[in-house]
Amino acid sequence: MLEKALAMIAAWIISVISTMGYGGIVLLMAIESACIPLPSEIIMPFAGFLVSKGEMTLWGVAFAGAIGCVVGSIPAYYVGMFGGRPLAEKYGKYVLISKKDLDMADRWFATHGEIIIFVARLLPAVRTFIAFPAGVARMNMTKFIGYTFIGSLIWCYALGYIGMKAGENWEELKVYFHESHYVIAALGLMFAAWYVHRHFKNEH
């Protein structure tokens, strides 16, 4: 069931990027950064695959992804700022964000300060909900956007690079994967399985 769902998500992501280009990357990464579980581990590698075909540039997809992350993080920041922790806890469960996730984000923010916004953007799962404590703490918006953009740029570049290398070595990979989107779906499946397992583990 999960494999089928991931394959459908991967196909939709591929369709959006193929149709909208860089704008599609901005849109999809904004959705992911707004705490909606749409894995960047699917989005950015496929964008990188298109780089290998000469349809996009690696820096172009990285910048588009980072811009999308900033756009999607701003609403999450304001949820924390105006709704506080109770609102994040109330609705976080619908997008697989547990109370322990929020506790961890709060603890990291309190311990390491504002720089954790940059660091968290380089970490799977954590990157999607780190904006909440920044909003609760009313972190300076300019710093928030700056740290979010730089951390996300590195993350998006790395995932795009993986996709690009997969495309460049497609002749070898196609022995194991019949079509390119199966490579991307496989990456997403591994992430989704870990993310769901982690969520239910944290709930107990």
N, C-alpha and C. Protein backbone atom coordinates (compact mmCIF):
# COMPACT_ATOMS: atom_id res chain seq x y z
N MET A 1 0.84 -1.21 0.00
CA MET A 1 0.00 0.00 0.00
C MET A 1 0.88 1.26 0.00
N LEU A 2 1.89 1.27 0.89
CA LEU A 2 2.78 2.42 0.98
C LEU A 2 3.57 2.59 -0.32
N GLU A 3 4.01 1.47 -0.89
CA GLU A 3 4.75 1.52 -2.15
C GLU A 3 3.91 2.14 -3.26
N LYS A 4 2.63 1.73 -3.33
CA LYS A 4 1.73 2.26 -4.35
C LYS A 4 1.51 3.75 -4.15
N ALA A 5 1.33 4.16 -2.89
CA ALA A 5 1.11 5.58 -2.60
C ALA A 5 2.34 6.40 -2.99
N LEU A 6 3.53 5.88 -2.67
CA LEU A 6 4.76 6.59 -3.02
C LEU A 6 4.94 6.69 -4.52
N ALA A 7 4.59 5.62 -5.22
CA ALA A 7 4.69 5.64 -6.68
C ALA A 7 3.77 6.70 -7.27
N MET A 8 2.56 6.83 -6.68
CA MET A 8 1.61 7.85 -7.16
C MET A 8 2.13 9.25 -6.86
N ILE A 9 2.69 9.44 -5.65
CA ILE A 9 3.25 10.74 -5.29
C ILE A 9 4.40 11.09 -6.22
N ALA A 10 5.27 10.10 -6.46
CA ALA A 10 6.42 10.33 -7.33
C ALA A 10 5.98 10.72 -8.73
N ALA A 11 4.95 10.02 -9.24
CA ALA A 11 4.44 10.33 -10.58
C ALA A 11 3.87 11.74 -10.63
N TRP A 12 3.19 12.15 -9.55
CA TRP A 12 2.61 13.51 -9.52
C TRP A 12 3.71 14.55 -9.45
N ILE A 13 4.71 14.31 -8.62
CA ILE A 13 5.84 15.23 -8.51
C ILE A 13 6.54 15.39 -9.86
N ILE A 14 6.78 14.27 -10.52
CA ILE A 14 7.42 14.30 -11.84
C ILE A 14 6.59 15.11 -12.82
N SER A 15 5.27 14.93 -12.76
CA SER A 15 4.38 15.66 -13.66
C SER A 15 4.43 17.16 -13.40
N VAL A 16 4.42 17.55 -12.11
CA VAL A 16 4.45 18.98 -11.75
C VAL A 16 5.74 19.64 -12.22
N ILE A 17 6.88 18.98 -11.95
CA ILE A 17 8.16 19.57 -12.34
C ILE A 17 8.33 19.58 -13.85
N SER A 18 7.89 18.51 -14.50
CA SER A 18 8.01 18.44 -15.96
C SER A 18 7.17 19.52 -16.63
N THR A 19 6.03 19.84 -16.03
CA THR A 19 5.11 20.83 -16.61
C THR A 19 5.50 22.26 -16.25
N MET A 20 5.86 22.48 -14.98
CA MET A 20 6.08 23.84 -14.49
C MET A 20 7.55 24.24 -14.38
N GLY A 21 8.46 23.28 -14.53
CA GLY A 21 9.88 23.58 -14.45
C GLY A 21 10.29 24.07 -13.08
N TYR A 22 11.09 25.14 -13.04
CA TYR A 22 11.59 25.66 -11.77
C TYR A 22 10.44 26.10 -10.86
N GLY A 23 9.38 26.62 -11.45
CA GLY A 23 8.23 27.03 -10.64
C GLY A 23 7.60 25.84 -9.92
N GLY A 24 7.62 24.68 -10.56
CA GLY A 24 7.10 23.48 -9.93
C GLY A 24 7.93 23.07 -8.73
N ILE A 25 9.25 23.25 -8.83
CA ILE A 25 10.12 22.94 -7.69
C ILE A 25 9.82 23.87 -6.53
N VAL A 26 9.66 25.17 -6.82
CA VAL A 26 9.32 26.15 -5.78
C VAL A 26 8.02 25.73 -5.09
N LEU A 27 7.01 25.40 -5.88
CA LEU A 27 5.70 25.02 -5.34
C LEU A 27 5.81 23.79 -4.45
N LEU A 28 6.45 22.74 -4.94
CA LEU A 28 6.52 21.48 -4.21
C LEU A 28 7.34 21.61 -2.92
N MET A 29 8.45 22.34 -2.98
CA MET A 29 9.26 22.51 -1.78
C MET A 29 8.58 23.44 -0.77
N ALA A 30 7.75 24.35 -1.26
CA ALA A 30 6.97 25.19 -0.34
C ALA A 30 5.95 24.34 0.41
N ILE A 31 5.34 23.40 -0.29
CA ILE A 31 4.38 22.49 0.35
C ILE A 31 5.10 21.67 1.42
N GLU A 32 6.28 21.14 1.08
CA GLU A 32 7.04 20.32 2.02
C GLU A 32 7.43 21.12 3.26
N SER A 33 7.82 22.37 3.07
CA SER A 33 8.28 23.20 4.19
C SER A 33 7.14 23.79 5.00
N ALA A 34 5.93 23.65 4.49
CA ALA A 34 4.75 24.09 5.25
C ALA A 34 4.23 22.95 6.13
N CYS A 35 5.11 21.96 6.38
CA CYS A 35 4.81 20.83 7.27
C CYS A 35 3.81 19.84 6.68
N ILE A 36 3.68 19.85 5.37
CA ILE A 36 2.86 18.84 4.69
C ILE A 36 3.82 17.77 4.20
N PRO A 37 3.58 16.49 4.56
CA PRO A 37 4.56 15.44 4.26
C PRO A 37 4.68 15.11 2.77
N LEU A 38 5.40 15.95 2.05
CA LEU A 38 5.71 15.72 0.64
C LEU A 38 7.24 15.69 0.56
N PRO A 39 7.85 14.52 0.53
CA PRO A 39 9.30 14.40 0.75
C PRO A 39 10.17 15.13 -0.28
N SER A 40 11.06 15.97 0.24
CA SER A 40 12.05 16.60 -0.64
C SER A 40 12.99 15.55 -1.20
N GLU A 41 13.05 14.37 -0.55
CA GLU A 41 13.87 13.27 -1.02
C GLU A 41 13.36 12.67 -2.33
N ILE A 42 12.15 13.05 -2.72
CA ILE A 42 11.62 12.68 -4.04
C ILE A 42 11.74 13.88 -4.99
N ILE A 43 11.38 15.05 -4.48
CA ILE A 43 11.32 16.25 -5.32
C ILE A 43 12.68 16.60 -5.92
N MET A 44 13.67 16.78 -5.07
CA MET A 44 14.95 17.29 -5.53
C MET A 44 15.77 16.30 -6.36
N PRO A 45 15.79 15.00 -6.01
CA PRO A 45 16.51 14.07 -6.89
C PRO A 45 15.95 14.02 -8.31
N PHE A 46 14.61 14.11 -8.45
CA PHE A 46 14.07 14.11 -9.81
C PHE A 46 14.47 15.38 -10.55
N ALA A 47 14.47 16.51 -9.84
CA ALA A 47 14.94 17.75 -10.47
C ALA A 47 16.39 17.58 -10.92
N GLY A 48 17.19 16.91 -10.08
CA GLY A 48 18.58 16.64 -10.45
C GLY A 48 18.68 15.72 -11.65
N PHE A 49 17.76 14.79 -11.76
CA PHE A 49 17.74 13.90 -12.92
C PHE A 49 17.53 14.70 -14.21
N LEU A 50 16.69 15.72 -14.12
CA LEU A 50 16.46 16.58 -15.29
C LEU A 50 17.71 17.40 -15.62
N VAL A 51 18.51 17.70 -14.60
CA VAL A 51 19.77 18.39 -14.84
C VAL A 51 20.66 17.54 -15.73
N SER A 52 20.70 16.23 -15.46
CA SER A 52 21.54 15.33 -16.25
C SER A 52 21.10 15.25 -17.70
N LYS A 53 19.82 15.58 -17.94
CA LYS A 53 19.29 15.56 -19.30
C LYS A 53 19.45 16.91 -20.00
N GLY A 54 20.00 17.88 -19.28
CA GLY A 54 20.22 19.20 -19.86
C GLY A 54 19.00 20.10 -19.84
N GLU A 55 17.95 19.70 -19.13
CA GLU A 55 16.72 20.49 -19.10
C GLU A 55 16.74 21.57 -18.01
N MET A 56 17.62 21.42 -17.03
CA MET A 56 17.74 22.39 -15.95
C MET A 56 19.21 22.48 -15.56
N THR A 57 19.53 23.43 -14.66
CA THR A 57 20.89 23.51 -14.13
C THR A 57 20.86 23.14 -12.66
N LEU A 58 21.97 22.63 -12.15
CA LEU A 58 22.01 22.19 -10.75
C LEU A 58 21.80 23.37 -9.80
N TRP A 59 22.47 24.49 -10.06
CA TRP A 59 22.27 25.65 -9.19
C TRP A 59 20.85 26.20 -9.33
N GLY A 60 20.29 26.08 -10.52
CA GLY A 60 18.92 26.53 -10.73
C GLY A 60 17.92 25.76 -9.89
N VAL A 61 18.05 24.43 -9.87
CA VAL A 61 17.11 23.63 -9.08
C VAL A 61 17.36 23.83 -7.58
N ALA A 62 18.64 24.03 -7.20
CA ALA A 62 18.95 24.26 -5.79
C ALA A 62 18.34 25.57 -5.31
N PHE A 63 18.49 26.64 -6.10
CA PHE A 63 17.91 27.93 -5.73
C PHE A 63 16.38 27.87 -5.69
N ALA A 64 15.78 27.20 -6.67
CA ALA A 64 14.33 27.07 -6.69
C ALA A 64 13.84 26.33 -5.46
N GLY A 65 14.55 25.25 -5.10
CA GLY A 65 14.17 24.49 -3.91
C GLY A 65 14.30 25.31 -2.65
N ALA A 66 15.39 26.09 -2.53
CA ALA A 66 15.60 26.91 -1.34
C ALA A 66 14.55 28.01 -1.22
N ILE A 67 14.20 28.61 -2.34
CA ILE A 67 13.15 29.64 -2.33
C ILE A 67 11.84 29.04 -1.88
N GLY A 68 11.53 27.84 -2.39
CA GLY A 68 10.31 27.16 -1.97
C GLY A 68 10.29 26.87 -0.48
N CYS A 69 11.45 26.48 0.05
CA CYS A 69 11.54 26.21 1.49
C CYS A 69 11.24 27.46 2.31
N VAL A 70 11.76 28.59 1.86
CA VAL A 70 11.50 29.85 2.57
C VAL A 70 10.02 30.20 2.52
N VAL A 71 9.44 30.09 1.33
CA VAL A 71 8.02 30.42 1.15
C VAL A 71 7.14 29.55 2.04
N GLY A 72 7.43 28.24 2.09
CA GLY A 72 6.62 27.33 2.89
C GLY A 72 6.86 27.45 4.38
N SER A 73 8.05 27.90 4.77
CA SER A 73 8.38 27.99 6.20
C SER A 73 7.75 29.19 6.87
N ILE A 74 7.48 30.24 6.12
CA ILE A 74 6.93 31.46 6.70
C ILE A 74 5.55 31.22 7.35
N PRO A 75 4.62 30.50 6.68
CA PRO A 75 3.34 30.23 7.37
C PRO A 75 3.54 29.42 8.65
N ALA A 76 4.46 28.43 8.62
CA ALA A 76 4.72 27.62 9.82
C ALA A 76 5.28 28.50 10.94
N TYR A 77 6.12 29.45 10.58
CA TYR A 77 6.68 30.40 11.55
C TYR A 77 5.54 31.18 12.22
N TYR A 78 4.61 31.67 11.42
CA TYR A 78 3.51 32.47 11.97
C TYR A 78 2.52 31.64 12.78
N VAL A 79 2.40 30.35 12.45
CA VAL A 79 1.58 29.47 13.29
C VAL A 79 2.18 29.42 14.69
N GLY A 80 3.50 29.28 14.75
CA GLY A 80 4.17 29.28 16.05
C GLY A 80 4.08 30.62 16.74
N MET A 81 4.18 31.69 15.98
CA MET A 81 4.19 33.04 16.54
C MET A 81 2.82 33.42 17.12
N PHE A 82 1.76 33.14 16.39
CA PHE A 82 0.44 33.58 16.82
C PHE A 82 -0.38 32.48 17.50
N GLY A 83 -0.12 31.22 17.14
CA GLY A 83 -0.89 30.12 17.74
C GLY A 83 -0.17 29.47 18.90
N GLY A 84 1.16 29.62 18.91
CA GLY A 84 1.93 29.04 19.99
C GLY A 84 2.01 27.52 19.92
N ARG A 85 2.59 26.97 20.94
CA ARG A 85 2.78 25.52 21.02
C ARG A 85 1.46 24.75 20.98
N PRO A 86 0.40 25.20 21.67
CA PRO A 86 -0.86 24.44 21.66
C PRO A 86 -1.42 24.21 20.26
N LEU A 87 -1.34 25.22 19.39
CA LEU A 87 -1.86 25.08 18.03
C LEU A 87 -1.02 24.09 17.23
N ALA A 88 0.30 24.15 17.42
CA ALA A 88 1.19 23.22 16.72
C ALA A 88 0.92 21.79 17.16
N GLU A 89 0.67 21.59 18.46
CA GLU A 89 0.38 20.26 18.97
C GLU A 89 -0.98 19.76 18.46
N LYS A 90 -1.94 20.66 18.39
CA LYS A 90 -3.29 20.27 17.99
C LYS A 90 -3.34 19.76 16.56
N TYR A 91 -2.64 20.46 15.66
CA TYR A 91 -2.73 20.11 14.24
C TYR A 91 -1.51 19.34 13.71
N GLY A 92 -0.44 19.31 14.50
CA GLY A 92 0.76 18.62 14.05
C GLY A 92 0.53 17.14 13.80
N LYS A 93 -0.34 16.51 14.58
CA LYS A 93 -0.56 15.07 14.43
C LYS A 93 -1.13 14.71 13.06
N TYR A 94 -1.78 15.67 12.42
CA TYR A 94 -2.36 15.38 11.11
C TYR A 94 -1.31 15.30 10.00
N VAL A 95 -0.12 15.82 10.28
CA VAL A 95 0.98 15.73 9.31
C VAL A 95 2.17 14.99 9.91
N LEU A 96 1.84 14.07 10.84
CA LEU A 96 2.83 13.18 11.46
C LEU A 96 3.92 13.92 12.23
N ILE A 97 3.57 15.04 12.86
CA ILE A 97 4.49 15.72 13.76
C ILE A 97 4.02 15.45 15.18
N SER A 98 4.83 14.75 15.94
CA SER A 98 4.43 14.33 17.28
C SER A 98 4.83 15.38 18.32
N LYS A 99 4.30 15.19 19.54
CA LYS A 99 4.65 16.07 20.65
C LYS A 99 6.15 15.97 20.93
N LYS A 100 6.72 14.78 20.80
CA LYS A 100 8.15 14.60 21.04
C LYS A 100 8.98 15.35 19.98
N ASP A 101 8.46 15.39 18.75
CA ASP A 101 9.15 16.18 17.71
C ASP A 101 9.22 17.64 18.13
N LEU A 102 8.10 18.16 18.59
CA LEU A 102 8.04 19.56 18.99
C LEU A 102 8.90 19.81 20.23
N ASP A 103 8.90 18.85 21.16
CA ASP A 103 9.75 18.97 22.34
C ASP A 103 11.21 19.05 21.93
N MET A 104 11.59 18.19 20.98
CA MET A 104 12.98 18.17 20.52
C MET A 104 13.35 19.49 19.85
N ALA A 105 12.45 20.00 19.01
CA ALA A 105 12.71 21.26 18.32
C ALA A 105 12.85 22.40 19.34
N ASP A 106 11.97 22.43 20.34
CA ASP A 106 12.04 23.46 21.38
C ASP A 106 13.36 23.36 22.15
N ARG A 107 13.74 22.12 22.47
CA ARG A 107 14.97 21.92 23.25
C ARG A 107 16.19 22.35 22.45
N TRP A 108 16.24 21.96 21.19
CA TRP A 108 17.37 22.34 20.33
C TRP A 108 17.45 23.85 20.20
N PHE A 109 16.29 24.49 20.01
CA PHE A 109 16.28 25.94 19.84
C PHE A 109 16.74 26.63 21.11
N ALA A 110 16.28 26.12 22.26
CA ALA A 110 16.66 26.73 23.54
C ALA A 110 18.15 26.52 23.84
N THR A 111 18.67 25.36 23.44
CA THR A 111 20.07 25.03 23.74
C THR A 111 21.06 25.70 22.79
N HIS A 112 20.74 25.68 21.50
CA HIS A 112 21.70 26.14 20.50
C HIS A 112 21.40 27.51 19.92
N GLY A 113 20.22 28.03 20.21
CA GLY A 113 19.89 29.35 19.70
C GLY A 113 19.47 29.35 18.24
N GLU A 114 19.49 30.52 17.66
CA GLU A 114 18.94 30.71 16.31
C GLU A 114 19.69 29.94 15.22
N ILE A 115 20.96 29.62 15.44
CA ILE A 115 21.74 28.91 14.43
C ILE A 115 21.16 27.53 14.15
N ILE A 116 20.36 27.00 15.08
CA ILE A 116 19.78 25.67 14.88
C ILE A 116 18.83 25.67 13.68
N ILE A 117 18.30 26.83 13.31
CA ILE A 117 17.44 26.92 12.13
C ILE A 117 18.23 26.52 10.89
N PHE A 118 19.47 26.97 10.80
CA PHE A 118 20.35 26.59 9.70
C PHE A 118 20.68 25.10 9.75
N VAL A 119 21.11 24.63 10.91
CA VAL A 119 21.52 23.23 11.06
C VAL A 119 20.37 22.27 10.77
N ALA A 120 19.19 22.59 11.30
CA ALA A 120 18.04 21.70 11.13
C ALA A 120 17.63 21.55 9.67
N ARG A 121 17.91 22.55 8.86
CA ARG A 121 17.56 22.47 7.44
C ARG A 121 18.38 21.43 6.70
N LEU A 122 19.41 20.91 7.36
CA LEU A 122 20.26 19.89 6.76
C LEU A 122 19.89 18.50 7.25
N LEU A 123 18.82 18.39 8.05
CA LEU A 123 18.45 17.12 8.65
C LEU A 123 17.07 16.67 8.17
N PRO A 124 16.94 15.41 7.76
CA PRO A 124 15.63 14.89 7.35
C PRO A 124 14.60 15.03 8.46
N ALA A 125 13.36 15.23 8.09
CA ALA A 125 12.21 15.31 9.01
C ALA A 125 12.27 16.55 9.90
N VAL A 126 13.35 16.72 10.68
CA VAL A 126 13.45 17.86 11.60
C VAL A 126 13.29 19.17 10.84
N ARG A 127 13.80 19.21 9.62
CA ARG A 127 13.80 20.44 8.84
C ARG A 127 12.38 20.95 8.56
N THR A 128 11.41 20.04 8.58
CA THR A 128 10.06 20.45 8.20
C THR A 128 9.30 21.14 9.33
N PHE A 129 9.72 20.95 10.60
CA PHE A 129 8.95 21.56 11.69
C PHE A 129 9.77 22.46 12.59
N ILE A 130 11.01 22.75 12.21
CA ILE A 130 11.85 23.61 13.04
C ILE A 130 11.36 25.06 13.05
N ALA A 131 10.52 25.43 12.08
CA ALA A 131 10.02 26.81 12.03
C ALA A 131 9.08 27.12 13.19
N PHE A 132 8.43 26.10 13.76
CA PHE A 132 7.49 26.34 14.85
C PHE A 132 8.14 27.03 16.05
N PRO A 133 9.23 26.45 16.61
CA PRO A 133 9.82 27.13 17.78
C PRO A 133 10.42 28.49 17.44
N ALA A 134 10.84 28.68 16.20
CA ALA A 134 11.35 29.99 15.80
C ALA A 134 10.24 31.03 15.89
N GLY A 135 9.05 30.63 15.47
CA GLY A 135 7.91 31.53 15.55
C GLY A 135 7.48 31.79 16.98
N VAL A 136 7.47 30.73 17.80
CA VAL A 136 7.10 30.88 19.21
C VAL A 136 8.05 31.85 19.90
N ALA A 137 9.36 31.75 19.56
CA ALA A 137 10.38 32.62 20.15
C ALA A 137 10.41 34.00 19.50
N ARG A 138 9.58 34.19 18.47
CA ARG A 138 9.55 35.45 17.73
C ARG A 138 10.94 35.85 17.23
N MET A 139 11.62 34.85 16.65
CA MET A 139 12.95 35.07 16.09
C MET A 139 12.89 36.15 15.02
N ASN A 140 13.93 36.95 14.93
CA ASN A 140 13.99 37.99 13.91
C ASN A 140 13.74 37.38 12.53
N MET A 141 12.77 37.93 11.80
CA MET A 141 12.36 37.36 10.53
C MET A 141 13.48 37.35 9.49
N THR A 142 14.29 38.40 9.46
CA THR A 142 15.39 38.46 8.50
C THR A 142 16.38 37.32 8.74
N LYS A 143 16.73 37.10 10.01
CA LYS A 143 17.63 35.99 10.33
C LYS A 143 16.98 34.65 10.02
N PHE A 144 15.71 34.53 10.34
CA PHE A 144 14.99 33.27 10.07
C PHE A 144 15.03 32.94 8.59
N ILE A 145 14.72 33.92 7.76
CA ILE A 145 14.72 33.68 6.31
C ILE A 145 16.14 33.38 5.81
N GLY A 146 17.13 34.10 6.34
CA GLY A 146 18.51 33.88 5.91
C GLY A 146 19.01 32.49 6.24
N TYR A 147 18.81 32.06 7.49
CA TYR A 147 19.24 30.72 7.90
C TYR A 147 18.48 29.64 7.14
N THR A 148 17.19 29.86 6.96
CA THR A 148 16.37 28.89 6.24
C THR A 148 16.85 28.75 4.80
N PHE A 149 17.11 29.87 4.16
CA PHE A 149 17.53 29.84 2.75
C PHE A 149 18.88 29.16 2.58
N ILE A 150 19.86 29.52 3.40
CA ILE A 150 21.21 28.98 3.23
C ILE A 150 21.23 27.48 3.53
N GLY A 151 20.59 27.07 4.64
CA GLY A 151 20.54 25.64 4.96
C GLY A 151 19.80 24.84 3.91
N SER A 152 18.70 25.39 3.43
CA SER A 152 17.90 24.71 2.41
C SER A 152 18.64 24.64 1.08
N LEU A 153 19.41 25.67 0.77
CA LEU A 153 20.18 25.68 -0.47
C LEU A 153 21.18 24.52 -0.49
N ILE A 154 21.85 24.30 0.63
CA ILE A 154 22.81 23.20 0.72
C ILE A 154 22.09 21.86 0.59
N TRP A 155 20.97 21.71 1.29
CA TRP A 155 20.17 20.47 1.26
C TRP A 155 19.67 20.19 -0.15
N CYS A 156 19.12 21.18 -0.79
CA CYS A 156 18.56 21.00 -2.13
C CYS A 156 19.66 20.72 -3.16
N TYR A 157 20.79 21.37 -3.00
CA TYR A 157 21.91 21.13 -3.92
C TYR A 157 22.38 19.68 -3.79
N ALA A 158 22.50 19.21 -2.54
CA ALA A 158 22.98 17.84 -2.31
C ALA A 158 22.03 16.81 -2.91
N LEU A 159 20.72 16.98 -2.69
CA LEU A 159 19.76 16.03 -3.25
C LEU A 159 19.70 16.13 -4.77
N GLY A 160 19.80 17.36 -5.28
CA GLY A 160 19.82 17.53 -6.73
C GLY A 160 21.04 16.87 -7.35
N TYR A 161 22.16 16.96 -6.65
CA TYR A 161 23.42 16.35 -7.14
C TYR A 161 23.28 14.84 -7.21
N ILE A 162 22.63 14.25 -6.18
CA ILE A 162 22.40 12.80 -6.19
C ILE A 162 21.56 12.40 -7.41
N GLY A 163 20.49 13.17 -7.66
CA GLY A 163 19.65 12.88 -8.81
C GLY A 163 20.39 13.05 -10.13
N MET A 164 21.23 14.07 -10.19
CA MET A 164 22.02 14.31 -11.41
C MET A 164 22.96 13.15 -11.68
N LYS A 165 23.64 12.67 -10.63
CA LYS A 165 24.57 11.55 -10.80
C LYS A 165 23.83 10.27 -11.18
N ALA A 166 22.63 10.10 -10.63
CA ALA A 166 21.82 8.93 -11.00
C ALA A 166 21.49 9.00 -12.49
N GLY A 167 21.17 10.20 -12.97
CA GLY A 167 20.87 10.37 -14.39
C GLY A 167 22.07 10.11 -15.28
N GLU A 168 23.23 10.59 -14.82
CA GLU A 168 24.45 10.41 -15.62
C GLU A 168 24.85 8.94 -15.71
N ASN A 169 24.45 8.16 -14.71
CA ASN A 169 24.79 6.73 -14.68
C ASN A 169 23.57 5.85 -14.95
N TRP A 170 22.61 6.42 -15.69
CA TRP A 170 21.35 5.72 -15.91
C TRP A 170 21.52 4.40 -16.64
N GLU A 171 22.48 4.30 -17.55
CA GLU A 171 22.69 3.05 -18.29
C GLU A 171 22.98 1.90 -17.34
N GLU A 172 23.72 2.17 -16.27
CA GLU A 172 24.03 1.13 -15.30
C GLU A 172 22.83 0.88 -14.37
N LEU A 173 22.15 1.96 -13.97
CA LEU A 173 21.03 1.84 -13.03
C LEU A 173 19.80 1.20 -13.63
N LYS A 174 19.59 1.37 -14.94
CA LYS A 174 18.34 0.88 -15.52
C LYS A 174 18.26 -0.64 -15.54
N VAL A 175 19.36 -1.31 -15.22
CA VAL A 175 19.32 -2.76 -15.05
C VAL A 175 18.44 -3.11 -13.85
N TYR A 176 18.44 -2.20 -12.85
CA TYR A 176 17.69 -2.45 -11.61
C TYR A 176 16.35 -1.71 -11.58
N PHE A 177 16.25 -0.60 -12.32
CA PHE A 177 15.02 0.19 -12.34
C PHE A 177 14.60 0.41 -13.79
N HIS A 178 13.39 -0.02 -14.12
CA HIS A 178 12.93 0.06 -15.51
C HIS A 178 12.72 1.49 -15.99
N GLU A 179 12.27 2.38 -15.10
CA GLU A 179 12.04 3.77 -15.48
C GLU A 179 12.66 4.68 -14.42
N SER A 180 12.98 5.89 -14.84
CA SER A 180 13.69 6.80 -13.94
C SER A 180 12.92 7.11 -12.67
N HIS A 181 11.60 7.24 -12.76
CA HIS A 181 10.87 7.64 -11.56
C HIS A 181 10.85 6.56 -10.49
N TYR A 182 11.17 5.30 -10.87
CA TYR A 182 11.27 4.25 -9.86
C TYR A 182 12.46 4.47 -8.94
N VAL A 183 13.53 5.07 -9.48
CA VAL A 183 14.68 5.40 -8.64
C VAL A 183 14.26 6.41 -7.59
N ILE A 184 13.56 7.44 -8.04
CA ILE A 184 13.10 8.50 -7.14
C ILE A 184 12.10 7.94 -6.13
N ALA A 185 11.19 7.09 -6.59
CA ALA A 185 10.20 6.50 -5.70
C ALA A 185 10.86 5.63 -4.65
N ALA A 186 11.93 4.93 -5.03
CA ALA A 186 12.64 4.09 -4.07
C ALA A 186 13.26 4.93 -2.96
N LEU A 187 13.85 6.07 -3.32
CA LEU A 187 14.41 6.98 -2.31
C LEU A 187 13.30 7.49 -1.39
N GLY A 188 12.19 7.87 -1.98
CA GLY A 188 11.07 8.38 -1.20
C GLY A 188 10.47 7.32 -0.30
N LEU A 189 10.42 6.09 -0.80
CA LEU A 189 9.86 4.99 -0.01
C LEU A 189 10.69 4.74 1.24
N MET A 190 12.00 4.75 1.08
CA MET A 190 12.88 4.55 2.25
C MET A 190 12.68 5.66 3.27
N PHE A 191 12.57 6.90 2.78
CA PHE A 191 12.37 8.02 3.69
C PHE A 191 11.01 7.92 4.37
N ALA A 192 9.96 7.63 3.59
CA ALA A 192 8.60 7.58 4.15
C ALA A 192 8.47 6.49 5.20
N ALA A 193 9.06 5.32 4.93
CA ALA A 193 8.99 4.22 5.89
C ALA A 193 9.67 4.63 7.21
N TRP A 194 10.82 5.28 7.10
CA TRP A 194 11.53 5.72 8.30
C TRP A 194 10.73 6.79 9.02
N TYR A 195 10.15 7.73 8.28
CA TYR A 195 9.43 8.86 8.86
C TYR A 195 8.19 8.38 9.61
N VAL A 196 7.42 7.47 8.99
CA VAL A 196 6.20 6.95 9.63
C VAL A 196 6.57 6.13 10.86
N HIS A 197 7.60 5.29 10.75
CA HIS A 197 8.04 4.48 11.89
C HIS A 197 8.47 5.37 13.04
N ARG A 198 9.21 6.41 12.70
CA ARG A 198 9.70 7.34 13.71
C ARG A 198 8.55 8.04 14.42
N HIS A 199 7.52 8.41 13.65
CA HIS A 199 6.38 9.11 14.23
C HIS A 199 5.66 8.23 15.25
N PHE A 200 5.35 7.00 14.85
CA PHE A 200 4.60 6.12 15.76
C PHE A 200 5.44 5.69 16.95
N LYS A 201 6.75 5.60 16.77
CA LYS A 201 7.66 5.31 17.87
C LYS A 201 7.64 6.45 18.89
N ASN A 202 7.62 7.68 18.38
CA ASN A 202 7.63 8.86 19.24
C ASN A 202 6.32 9.04 19.99
N GLU A 203 5.25 8.45 19.46
CA GLU A 203 3.95 8.60 20.10
C GLU A 203 3.82 7.73 21.34
N HIS A 204 4.75 6.79 21.51
CA HIS A 204 4.66 5.87 22.65
C HIS A 204 5.76 6.16 23.66
